[in-house]
């Protein structure tokens, strides 16, 4: 992840420079393996940010990270929303 083609294969939005609409949303985007011994939170943050960038760029959506708090997938609200959709 970098600012120019000379120092990275993906741009600041985690999109591959040579393949349109190919996004790298895990720790392989970070050349120095930043995240410490257990990079789970770094991976989750990068994936959430990348999803937001895709939503903004290709679907015209508004950013949500700055206005909503994250909800863990085991939260009862998530379970109820899935059940309500019949999934």
PDB file of N, CA and C in Angstrom:
ATOM      1  N   UNK A   1       0.861  -1.152   0.000  1.00  0.00           N
ATOM      2  CA  UNK A   1       0.000   0.000   0.000  1.00  0.00           C
ATOM      3  C   UNK A   1       0.915   1.225   0.000  1.00  0.00           C
ATOM      4  N   UNK A   2       0.753   2.063  -1.021  1.00  0.00           N
ATOM      5  CA  UNK A   2       1.637   3.210  -1.081  1.00  0.00           C
ATOM      6  C   UNK A   2       1.110   4.319  -1.959  1.00  0.00           C
ATOM      7  N   UNK A   3       1.935   5.334  -2.111  1.00  0.00           N
ATOM      8  CA  UNK A   3       1.527   6.526  -2.840  1.00  0.00           C
ATOM      9  C   UNK A   3       1.845   6.484  -4.332  1.00  0.00           C
ATOM     10  N   UNK A   4       2.824   5.670  -4.741  1.00  0.00           N
ATOM     11  CA  UNK A   4       3.188   5.651  -6.154  1.00  0.00           C
ATOM     12  C   UNK A   4       3.416   4.226  -6.641  1.00  0.00           C
ATOM     13  N   UNK A   5       3.427   4.075  -7.962  1.00  0.00           N
ATOM     14  CA  UNK A   5       3.651   2.757  -8.568  1.00  0.00           C
ATOM     15  C   UNK A   5       5.058   2.248  -8.305  1.00  0.00           C
ATOM     16  N   UNK A   6       5.968   3.133  -7.986  1.00  0.00           N
ATOM     17  CA  UNK A   6       7.351   2.709  -7.757  1.00  0.00           C
ATOM     18  C   UNK A   6       7.562   2.052  -6.398  1.00  0.00           C
ATOM     19  N   UNK A   7       6.652   2.282  -5.457  1.00  0.00           N
ATOM     20  CA  UNK A   7       6.864   1.702  -4.134  1.00  0.00           C
ATOM     21  C   UNK A   7       5.760   0.761  -3.661  1.00  0.00           C
ATOM     22  N   UNK A   8       4.758   0.502  -4.523  1.00  0.00           N
ATOM     23  CA  UNK A   8       3.682  -0.383  -4.074  1.00  0.00           C
ATOM     24  C   UNK A   8       2.863  -0.920  -5.241  1.00  0.00           C
ATOM     25  N   UNK A   9       2.202  -2.047  -5.017  1.00  0.00           N
ATOM     26  CA  UNK A   9       1.346  -2.638  -6.053  1.00  0.00           C
ATOM     27  C   UNK A   9      -0.122  -2.290  -5.857  1.00  0.00           C
ATOM     28  N   UNK A  10      -0.467  -1.727  -4.688  1.00  0.00           N
ATOM     29  CA  UNK A  10      -1.836  -1.265  -4.463  1.00  0.00           C
ATOM     30  C   UNK A  10      -1.814   0.198  -4.038  1.00  0.00           C
ATOM     31  N   UNK A  11      -2.905   0.897  -4.337  1.00  0.00           N
ATOM     32  CA  UNK A  11      -2.966   2.319  -3.995  1.00  0.00           C
ATOM     33  C   UNK A  11      -3.447   2.519  -2.558  1.00  0.00           C
ATOM     34  N   UNK A  12      -3.653   3.757  -2.174  1.00  0.00           N
ATOM     35  CA  UNK A  12      -4.053   4.076  -0.804  1.00  0.00           C
ATOM     36  C   UNK A  12      -5.428   3.547  -0.438  1.00  0.00           C
ATOM     37  N   UNK A  13      -6.232   3.176  -1.432  1.00  0.00           N
ATOM     38  CA  UNK A  13      -7.549   2.597  -1.182  1.00  0.00           C
ATOM     39  C   UNK A  13      -7.533   1.078  -1.229  1.00  0.00           C
ATOM     40  N   UNK A  14      -6.348   0.493  -1.308  1.00  0.00           N
ATOM     41  CA  UNK A  14      -6.136  -0.958  -1.340  1.00  0.00           C
ATOM     42  C   UNK A  14      -6.552  -1.600  -2.657  1.00  0.00           C
ATOM     43  N   UNK A  15      -6.663  -0.808  -3.721  1.00  0.00           N
ATOM     44  CA  UNK A  15      -6.993  -1.349  -5.047  1.00  0.00           C
ATOM     45  C   UNK A  15      -5.709  -1.598  -5.825  1.00  0.00           C
ATOM     46  N   UNK A  16      -5.633  -2.752  -6.475  1.00  0.00           N
ATOM     47  CA  UNK A  16      -4.445  -3.088  -7.255  1.00  0.00           C
ATOM     48  C   UNK A  16      -4.252  -2.072  -8.377  1.00  0.00           C
ATOM     49  N   UNK A  17      -3.015  -1.695  -8.607  1.00  0.00           N
ATOM     50  CA  UNK A  17      -2.721  -0.706  -9.638  1.00  0.00           C
ATOM     51  C   UNK A  17      -2.856  -1.290 -11.040  1.00  0.00           C
ATOM     52  N   UNK A  18      -2.609  -2.577 -11.203  1.00  0.00           N
ATOM     53  CA  UNK A  18      -2.620  -3.168 -12.542  1.00  0.00           C
ATOM     54  C   UNK A  18      -3.890  -3.955 -12.868  1.00  0.00           C
ATOM     55  N   UNK A  19      -4.753  -4.180 -11.879  1.00  0.00           N
ATOM     56  CA  UNK A  19      -5.995  -4.927 -12.112  1.00  0.00           C
ATOM     57  C   UNK A  19      -7.147  -4.127 -11.496  1.00  0.00           C
ATOM     58  N   UNK A  20      -8.002  -3.588 -12.341  1.00  0.00           N
ATOM     59  CA  UNK A  20      -9.119  -2.780 -11.844  1.00  0.00           C
ATOM     60  C   UNK A  20     -10.059  -3.618 -10.988  1.00  0.00           C
ATOM     61  N   UNK A  21     -10.536  -3.022  -9.923  1.00  0.00           N
ATOM     62  CA  UNK A  21     -11.504  -3.630  -8.997  1.00  0.00           C
ATOM     63  C   UNK A  21     -10.983  -4.870  -8.258  1.00  0.00           C
ATOM     64  N   UNK A  22      -9.671  -4.990  -8.169  1.00  0.00           N
ATOM     65  CA  UNK A  22      -9.069  -6.032  -7.337  1.00  0.00           C
ATOM     66  C   UNK A  22      -8.567  -5.339  -6.076  1.00  0.00           C
ATOM     67  N   UNK A  23      -9.170  -5.678  -4.955  1.00  0.00           N
ATOM     68  CA  UNK A  23      -8.818  -5.054  -3.687  1.00  0.00           C
ATOM     69  C   UNK A  23      -8.154  -6.076  -2.774  1.00  0.00           C
ATOM     70  N   UNK A  24      -7.143  -5.635  -2.060  1.00  0.00           N
ATOM     71  CA  UNK A  24      -6.442  -6.477  -1.090  1.00  0.00           C
ATOM     72  C   UNK A  24      -6.837  -5.952   0.282  1.00  0.00           C
ATOM     73  N   UNK A  25      -7.622  -6.730   1.012  1.00  0.00           N
ATOM     74  CA  UNK A  25      -8.193  -6.240   2.269  1.00  0.00           C
ATOM     75  C   UNK A  25      -7.749  -7.053   3.474  1.00  0.00           C
ATOM     76  N   UNK A  26      -6.526  -7.564   3.420  1.00  0.00           N
ATOM     77  CA  UNK A  26      -6.004  -8.277   4.585  1.00  0.00           C
ATOM     78  C   UNK A  26      -4.584  -7.787   4.855  1.00  0.00           C
ATOM     79  N   UNK A  27      -3.887  -8.427   5.766  1.00  0.00           N
ATOM     80  CA  UNK A  27      -2.562  -7.945   6.155  1.00  0.00           C
ATOM     81  C   UNK A  27      -1.506  -8.112   5.071  1.00  0.00           C
ATOM     82  N   UNK A  28      -1.797  -8.827   4.013  1.00  0.00           N
ATOM     83  CA  UNK A  28      -0.816  -8.921   2.932  1.00  0.00           C
ATOM     84  C   UNK A  28      -0.649  -7.574   2.238  1.00  0.00           C
ATOM     85  N   UNK A  29      -1.569  -6.640   2.476  1.00  0.00           N
ATOM     86  CA  UNK A  29      -1.441  -5.281   1.934  1.00  0.00           C
ATOM     87  C   UNK A  29      -0.353  -4.492   2.652  1.00  0.00           C
ATOM     88  N   UNK A  30       0.044  -4.942   3.810  1.00  0.00           N
ATOM     89  CA  UNK A  30       1.033  -4.227   4.613  1.00  0.00           C
ATOM     90  C   UNK A  30       2.390  -4.911   4.484  1.00  0.00           C
ATOM     91  N   UNK A  31       3.301  -4.239   3.826  1.00  0.00           N
ATOM     92  CA  UNK A  31       4.603  -4.838   3.525  1.00  0.00           C
ATOM     93  C   UNK A  31       5.428  -5.171   4.759  1.00  0.00           C
ATOM     94  N   UNK A  32       5.229  -4.455   5.832  1.00  0.00           N
ATOM     95  CA  UNK A  32       6.044  -4.684   7.029  1.00  0.00           C
ATOM     96  C   UNK A  32       5.341  -5.533   8.083  1.00  0.00           C
ATOM     97  N   UNK A  33       4.228  -6.148   7.736  1.00  0.00           N
ATOM     98  CA  UNK A  33       3.470  -6.994   8.665  1.00  0.00           C
ATOM     99  C   UNK A  33       3.070  -6.243   9.927  1.00  0.00           C
ATOM    100  N   UNK A  34       2.755  -4.980   9.787  1.00  0.00           N
ATOM    101  CA  UNK A  34       2.348  -4.155  10.906  1.00  0.00           C
ATOM    102  C   UNK A  34       1.124  -4.759  11.592  1.00  0.00           C
ATOM    103  N   UNK A  35       1.102  -4.762  12.882  1.00  0.00           N
ATOM    104  CA  UNK A  35      -0.037  -5.278  13.597  1.00  0.00           C
ATOM    105  C   UNK A  35       0.342  -6.026  14.848  1.00  0.00           C
ATOM    106  N   UNK A  36       1.603  -6.296  15.018  1.00  0.00           N
ATOM    107  CA  UNK A  36       2.045  -6.967  16.226  1.00  0.00           C
ATOM    108  C   UNK A  36       1.889  -8.471  16.154  1.00  0.00           C
ATOM    109  N   UNK A  37       2.037  -9.137  17.289  1.00  0.00           N
ATOM    110  CA  UNK A  37       1.995 -10.592  17.300  1.00  0.00           C
ATOM    111  C   UNK A  37       0.635 -11.166  16.920  1.00  0.00           C
ATOM    112  N   UNK A  38      -0.444 -10.450  17.222  1.00  0.00           N
ATOM    113  CA  UNK A  38      -1.778 -10.897  16.849  1.00  0.00           C
ATOM    114  C   UNK A  38      -2.441  -9.772  16.056  1.00  0.00           C
ATOM    115  N   UNK A  39      -2.356  -9.837  14.721  1.00  0.00           N
ATOM    116  CA  UNK A  39      -2.826  -8.720  13.902  1.00  0.00           C
ATOM    117  C   UNK A  39      -4.326  -8.726  13.598  1.00  0.00           C
ATOM    118  N   UNK A  40      -5.121  -9.414  14.394  1.00  0.00           N
ATOM    119  CA  UNK A  40      -6.546  -9.537  14.111  1.00  0.00           C
ATOM    120  C   UNK A  40      -7.232  -8.181  14.000  1.00  0.00           C
ATOM    121  N   UNK A  41      -6.997  -7.283  14.944  1.00  0.00           N
ATOM    122  CA  UNK A  41      -7.659  -5.979  14.901  1.00  0.00           C
ATOM    123  C   UNK A  41      -7.198  -5.147  13.706  1.00  0.00           C
ATOM    124  N   UNK A  42      -5.915  -5.260  13.352  1.00  0.00           N
ATOM    125  CA  UNK A  42      -5.411  -4.560  12.174  1.00  0.00           C
ATOM    126  C   UNK A  42      -6.098  -5.086  10.920  1.00  0.00           C
ATOM    127  N   UNK A  43      -6.250  -6.391  10.825  1.00  0.00           N
ATOM    128  CA  UNK A  43      -6.913  -7.006   9.674  1.00  0.00           C
ATOM    129  C   UNK A  43      -8.365  -6.552   9.589  1.00  0.00           C
ATOM    130  N   UNK A  44      -9.059  -6.553  10.705  1.00  0.00           N
ATOM    131  CA  UNK A  44     -10.458  -6.133  10.715  1.00  0.00           C
ATOM    132  C   UNK A  44     -10.600  -4.663  10.329  1.00  0.00           C
ATOM    133  N   UNK A  45      -9.721  -3.823  10.835  1.00  0.00           N
ATOM    134  CA  UNK A  45      -9.775  -2.399  10.509  1.00  0.00           C
ATOM    135  C   UNK A  45      -9.507  -2.166   9.026  1.00  0.00           C
ATOM    136  N   UNK A  46      -8.517  -2.858   8.478  1.00  0.00           N
ATOM    137  CA  UNK A  46      -8.199  -2.711   7.061  1.00  0.00           C
ATOM    138  C   UNK A  46      -9.340  -3.217   6.188  1.00  0.00           C
ATOM    139  N   UNK A  47      -9.941  -4.330   6.547  1.00  0.00           N
ATOM    140  CA  UNK A  47     -11.061  -4.875   5.776  1.00  0.00           C
ATOM    141  C   UNK A  47     -12.269  -3.938   5.818  1.00  0.00           C
ATOM    142  N   UNK A  48     -12.556  -3.372   6.979  1.00  0.00           N
ATOM    143  CA  UNK A  48     -13.679  -2.440   7.110  1.00  0.00           C
ATOM    144  C   UNK A  48     -13.436  -1.183   6.287  1.00  0.00           C
ATOM    145  N   UNK A  49     -12.226  -0.651   6.370  1.00  0.00           N
ATOM    146  CA  UNK A  49     -11.885   0.545   5.605  1.00  0.00           C
ATOM    147  C   UNK A  49     -11.972   0.274   4.102  1.00  0.00           C
ATOM    148  N   UNK A  50     -11.462  -0.869   3.669  1.00  0.00           N
ATOM    149  CA  UNK A  50     -11.493  -1.211   2.245  1.00  0.00           C
ATOM    150  C   UNK A  50     -12.929  -1.384   1.760  1.00  0.00           C
ATOM    151  N   UNK A  51     -13.772  -2.028   2.567  1.00  0.00           N
ATOM    152  CA  UNK A  51     -15.184  -2.188   2.197  1.00  0.00           C
ATOM    153  C   UNK A  51     -15.850  -0.828   2.035  1.00  0.00           C
ATOM    154  N   UNK A  52     -15.530   0.093   2.917  1.00  0.00           N
ATOM    155  CA  UNK A  52     -16.101   1.436   2.824  1.00  0.00           C
ATOM    156  C   UNK A  52     -15.640   2.139   1.546  1.00  0.00           C
ATOM    157  N   UNK A  53     -14.360   1.992   1.198  1.00  0.00           N
ATOM    158  CA  UNK A  53     -13.834   2.613  -0.024  1.00  0.00           C
ATOM    159  C   UNK A  53     -14.508   2.038  -1.269  1.00  0.00           C
ATOM    160  N   UNK A  54     -14.725   0.731  -1.292  1.00  0.00           N
ATOM    161  CA  UNK A  54     -15.423   0.099  -2.420  1.00  0.00           C
ATOM    162  C   UNK A  54     -16.841   0.636  -2.510  1.00  0.00           C
ATOM    163  N   UNK A  55     -17.529   0.705  -1.388  1.00  0.00           N
ATOM    164  CA  UNK A  55     -18.905   1.199  -1.332  1.00  0.00           C
ATOM    165  C   UNK A  55     -18.991   2.632  -1.838  1.00  0.00           C
ATOM    166  N   UNK A  56     -18.047   3.461  -1.438  1.00  0.00           N
ATOM    167  CA  UNK A  56     -18.037   4.856  -1.873  1.00  0.00           C
ATOM    168  C   UNK A  56     -17.750   4.974  -3.370  1.00  0.00           C
ATOM    169  N   UNK A  57     -16.715   4.286  -3.839  1.00  0.00           N
ATOM    170  CA  UNK A  57     -16.265   4.454  -5.216  1.00  0.00           C
ATOM    171  C   UNK A  57     -17.204   3.836  -6.244  1.00  0.00           C
ATOM    172  N   UNK A  58     -17.647   2.612  -6.000  1.00  0.00           N
ATOM    173  CA  UNK A  58     -18.391   1.886  -7.021  1.00  0.00           C
ATOM    174  C   UNK A  58     -19.910   1.874  -6.826  1.00  0.00           C
ATOM    175  N   UNK A  59     -20.368   2.265  -5.650  1.00  0.00           N
ATOM    176  CA  UNK A  59     -21.805   2.244  -5.393  1.00  0.00           C
ATOM    177  C   UNK A  59     -22.352   3.594  -4.954  1.00  0.00           C
ATOM    178  N   UNK A  60     -21.500   4.613  -4.936  1.00  0.00           N
ATOM    179  CA  UNK A  60     -21.936   5.960  -4.603  1.00  0.00           C
ATOM    180  C   UNK A  60     -22.397   6.147  -3.177  1.00  0.00           C
ATOM    181  N   UNK A  61     -21.940   5.304  -2.288  1.00  0.00           N
ATOM    182  CA  UNK A  61     -22.382   5.378  -0.898  1.00  0.00           C
ATOM    183  C   UNK A  61     -21.641   6.418  -0.084  1.00  0.00           C
ATOM    184  N   UNK A  62     -22.220   6.774   1.028  1.00  0.00           N
ATOM    185  CA  UNK A  62     -21.590   7.694   1.969  1.00  0.00           C
ATOM    186  C   UNK A  62     -20.737   6.898   2.952  1.00  0.00           C
ATOM    187  N   UNK A  63     -19.641   7.470   3.405  1.00  0.00           N
ATOM    188  CA  UNK A  63     -18.832   6.765   4.404  1.00  0.00           C
ATOM    189  C   UNK A  63     -19.611   6.574   5.708  1.00  0.00           C
ATOM    190  N   UNK A  64     -19.451   5.427   6.323  1.00  0.00           N
ATOM    191  CA  UNK A  64     -20.184   5.149   7.555  1.00  0.00           C
ATOM    192  C   UNK A  64     -19.282   5.012   8.768  1.00  0.00           C
ATOM    193  N   UNK A  65     -18.008   4.799   8.583  1.00  0.00           N
ATOM    194  CA  UNK A  65     -17.110   4.548   9.697  1.00  0.00           C
ATOM    195  C   UNK A  65     -17.066   5.730  10.661  1.00  0.00           C
ATOM    196  N   UNK A  66     -17.149   6.943  10.153  1.00  0.00           N
ATOM    197  CA  UNK A  66     -17.054   8.106  11.029  1.00  0.00           C
ATOM    198  C   UNK A  66     -18.347   8.427  11.768  1.00  0.00           C
ATOM    199  N   UNK A  67     -19.461   7.829  11.345  1.00  0.00           N
ATOM    200  CA  UNK A  67     -20.723   8.179  11.994  1.00  0.00           C
ATOM    201  C   UNK A  67     -21.396   7.025  12.731  1.00  0.00           C
ATOM    202  N   UNK A  68     -20.900   5.826  12.573  1.00  0.00           N
ATOM    203  CA  UNK A  68     -21.484   4.670  13.252  1.00  0.00           C
ATOM    204  C   UNK A  68     -20.404   3.899  13.993  1.00  0.00           C
ATOM    205  N   UNK A  69     -20.758   3.323  15.105  1.00  0.00           N
ATOM    206  CA  UNK A  69     -19.829   2.469  15.840  1.00  0.00           C
ATOM    207  C   UNK A  69     -19.888   1.063  15.272  1.00  0.00           C
ATOM    208  N   UNK A  70     -18.757   0.381  15.204  1.00  0.00           N
ATOM    209  CA  UNK A  70     -18.768  -0.996  14.711  1.00  0.00           C
ATOM    210  C   UNK A  70     -19.581  -1.908  15.638  1.00  0.00           C
ATOM    211  N   UNK A  71     -20.145  -2.941  15.066  1.00  0.00           N
ATOM    212  CA  UNK A  71     -20.901  -3.938  15.823  1.00  0.00           C
ATOM    213  C   UNK A  71     -20.289  -5.298  15.527  1.00  0.00           C
ATOM    214  N   UNK A  72     -19.991  -6.052  16.559  1.00  0.00           N
ATOM    215  CA  UNK A  72     -19.407  -7.371  16.352  1.00  0.00           C
ATOM    216  C   UNK A  72     -20.446  -8.306  15.749  1.00  0.00           C
ATOM    217  N   UNK A  73     -19.981  -9.277  14.973  1.00  0.00           N
ATOM    218  CA  UNK A  73     -20.907 -10.167  14.271  1.00  0.00           C
ATOM    219  C   UNK A  73     -21.720 -11.045  15.209  1.00  0.00           C
ATOM    220  N   UNK A  74     -21.296 -11.182  16.451  1.00  0.00           N
ATOM    221  CA  UNK A  74     -22.048 -11.996  17.407  1.00  0.00           C
ATOM    222  C   UNK A  74     -23.089 -11.191  18.173  1.00  0.00           C
ATOM    223  N   UNK A  75     -23.197  -9.903  17.880  1.00  0.00           N
ATOM    224  CA  UNK A  75     -24.188  -9.040  18.530  1.00  0.00           C
ATOM    225  C   UNK A  75     -25.594  -9.525  18.170  1.00  0.00           C
ATOM    226  N   UNK A  76     -26.503  -9.518  19.132  1.00  0.00           N
ATOM    227  CA  UNK A  76     -27.877  -9.982  18.901  1.00  0.00           C
ATOM    228  C   UNK A  76     -28.577  -9.200  17.795  1.00  0.00           C
ATOM    229  N   UNK A  77     -28.238  -7.928  17.624  1.00  0.00           N
ATOM    230  CA  UNK A  77     -28.852  -7.131  16.554  1.00  0.00           C
ATOM    231  C   UNK A  77     -28.515  -7.681  15.177  1.00  0.00           C
ATOM    232  N   UNK A  78     -27.288  -8.183  15.024  1.00  0.00           N
ATOM    233  CA  UNK A  78     -26.890  -8.772  13.753  1.00  0.00           C
ATOM    234  C   UNK A  78     -27.677 -10.067  13.517  1.00  0.00           C
ATOM    235  N   UNK A  79     -27.758 -10.899  14.546  1.00  0.00           N
ATOM    236  CA  UNK A  79     -28.499 -12.153  14.432  1.00  0.00           C
ATOM    237  C   UNK A  79     -29.955 -11.886  14.084  1.00  0.00           C
ATOM    238  N   UNK A  80     -30.569 -10.928  14.750  1.00  0.00           N
ATOM    239  CA  UNK A  80     -31.979 -10.609  14.489  1.00  0.00           C
ATOM    240  C   UNK A  80     -32.186 -10.071  13.070  1.00  0.00           C
ATOM    241  N   UNK A  81     -31.241  -9.272  12.581  1.00  0.00           N
ATOM    242  CA  UNK A  81     -31.345  -8.723  11.219  1.00  0.00           C
ATOM    243  C   UNK A  81     -31.242  -9.829  10.187  1.00  0.00           C
ATOM    244  N   UNK A  82     -30.365 -10.798  10.411  1.00  0.00           N
ATOM    245  CA  UNK A  82     -30.214 -11.933   9.495  1.00  0.00           C
ATOM    246  C   UNK A  82     -31.483 -12.774   9.504  1.00  0.00           C
ATOM    247  N   UNK A  83     -31.991 -13.057  10.695  1.00  0.00           N
ATOM    248  CA  UNK A  83     -33.222 -13.855  10.796  1.00  0.00           C
ATOM    249  C   UNK A  83     -34.402 -13.151  10.153  1.00  0.00           C
ATOM    250  N   UNK A  84     -34.476 -11.842  10.295  1.00  0.00           N
ATOM    251  CA  UNK A  84     -35.586 -11.087   9.716  1.00  0.00           C
ATOM    252  C   UNK A  84     -35.577 -11.131   8.183  1.00  0.00           C
ATOM    253  N   UNK A  85     -34.407 -11.307   7.618  1.00  0.00           N
ATOM    254  CA  UNK A  85     -34.287 -11.386   6.153  1.00  0.00           C
ATOM    255  C   UNK A  85     -34.481 -12.807   5.637  1.00  0.00           C
ATOM    256  N   UNK A  86     -34.622 -13.755   6.527  1.00  0.00           N
ATOM    257  CA  UNK A  86     -34.830 -15.126   6.134  1.00  0.00           C
ATOM    258  C   UNK A  86     -33.595 -15.802   5.551  1.00  0.00           C
ATOM    259  N   UNK A  87     -32.420 -15.347   5.973  1.00  0.00           N
ATOM    260  CA  UNK A  87     -31.168 -15.924   5.446  1.00  0.00           C
ATOM    261  C   UNK A  87     -30.694 -17.082   6.266  1.00  0.00           C
TER     262      UNK A  87
END
